[in-house]
Amino acid sequence: MGLLQTHAEMVERVISEVGGELLEIKMLSEISDLLNERTESLQTFLTKVLSKATELIGADTGSIAMVTERDGQKWLV
């Protein structure tokens, strides 16, 4: 929980410094470029997305959570 809070605070700080819209547009553009590349697997693609996201916000590390919904409840995959 502490790690998630730290990440959230860092992202909030970066967004306030850089500007949320600019950061969002840049991130979407970078992900769009990655979608146009041929990747071997979903894991490879997500690793590249995470790398770009952490690079753009200046983070040392990050994580991607995948959630699925079963019987009306959300589960972390």
Protein backbone atom coordinates (compact mmCIF):
# COMPACT_ATOMS: atom_id res chain seq x y z
CA MET A 1 0.00 0.00 0.00
CA GLY A 2 2.84 2.38 0.81
CA LEU A 3 4.46 1.75 -2.58
CA LEU A 4 1.20 2.53 -4.39
CA GLN A 5 0.78 5.73 -2.38
CA THR A 6 4.34 6.78 -3.26
CA HIS A 7 3.70 6.14 -6.97
CA ALA A 8 0.42 8.08 -6.85
CA GLU A 9 2.08 11.05 -5.16
CA MET A 10 4.92 11.04 -7.70
CA VAL A 11 2.51 10.92 -10.65
CA GLU A 12 0.43 13.71 -9.16
CA ARG A 13 3.54 15.87 -8.74
CA VAL A 14 4.70 15.24 -12.32
CA ILE A 15 1.26 15.99 -13.74
CA SER A 16 1.07 19.27 -11.84
CA GLU A 17 4.58 20.25 -13.02
CA VAL A 18 4.29 19.15 -16.65
CA GLY A 19 0.58 19.63 -17.20
CA GLY A 20 -1.86 16.76 -17.29
CA GLU A 21 -3.06 17.19 -20.87
CA LEU A 22 0.45 17.38 -22.34
CA LEU A 23 1.58 14.30 -20.43
CA GLU A 24 -1.57 12.37 -21.40
CA ILE A 25 -1.20 13.25 -25.09
CA LYS A 26 2.48 12.31 -25.10
CA MET A 27 1.77 9.01 -23.36
CA LEU A 28 -1.05 8.12 -25.75
CA SER A 29 1.17 8.97 -28.71
CA GLU A 30 3.96 6.75 -27.39
CA ILE A 31 1.54 3.85 -26.77
CA SER A 32 0.08 4.33 -30.24
CA ASP A 33 3.59 3.96 -31.68
CA LEU A 34 4.06 0.76 -29.67
CA LEU A 35 0.75 -0.62 -30.95
CA ASN A 36 2.01 -0.18 -34.49
CA GLU A 37 5.12 -2.26 -33.75
CA ARG A 38 5.00 -6.00 -34.04
CA THR A 39 5.61 -7.56 -30.66
CA GLU A 40 6.11 -11.17 -29.78
CA SER A 41 3.70 -11.28 -26.87
CA LEU A 42 1.39 -9.29 -24.61
CA GLN A 43 4.05 -9.34 -21.90
CA THR A 44 6.61 -7.79 -24.27
CA PHE A 45 4.13 -5.08 -25.26
CA LEU A 46 3.21 -4.30 -21.64
CA THR A 47 6.89 -4.17 -20.69
CA LYS A 48 7.46 -1.57 -23.41
CA VAL A 49 4.39 0.42 -22.31
CA LEU A 50 5.59 0.39 -18.71
CA SER A 51 9.06 1.45 -19.79
CA LYS A 52 7.64 4.41 -21.72
CA ALA A 53 5.31 5.40 -18.89
CA THR A 54 8.05 5.36 -16.26
CA GLU A 55 10.36 7.26 -18.60
CA LEU A 56 7.75 9.97 -19.25
CA ILE A 57 7.00 10.58 -15.58
CA GLY A 58 10.61 10.17 -14.45
CA ALA A 59 9.94 7.15 -12.26
CA ASP A 60 12.54 4.57 -11.30
CA THR A 61 10.01 1.76 -11.38
CA GLY A 62 6.35 1.09 -12.02
CA SER A 63 3.75 -1.61 -12.42
CA ILE A 64 0.80 -2.49 -14.60
CA ALA A 65 -2.24 -4.13 -13.06
CA MET A 66 -4.61 -6.16 -15.19
CA VAL A 67 -8.12 -6.57 -13.82
CA THR A 68 -10.87 -8.93 -14.91
CA GLU A 69 -14.47 -8.98 -13.80
CA ARG A 70 -16.09 -12.23 -12.69
CA ASP A 71 -19.55 -12.52 -11.23
CA GLY A 72 -19.72 -8.75 -10.80
CA GLN A 73 -16.44 -8.57 -8.83
CA LYS A 74 -13.11 -7.25 -10.03
CA TRP A 75 -10.07 -9.50 -9.72
CA LEU A 76 -6.40 -8.75 -10.22
CA VAL A 77 -5.00 -11.03 -12.92
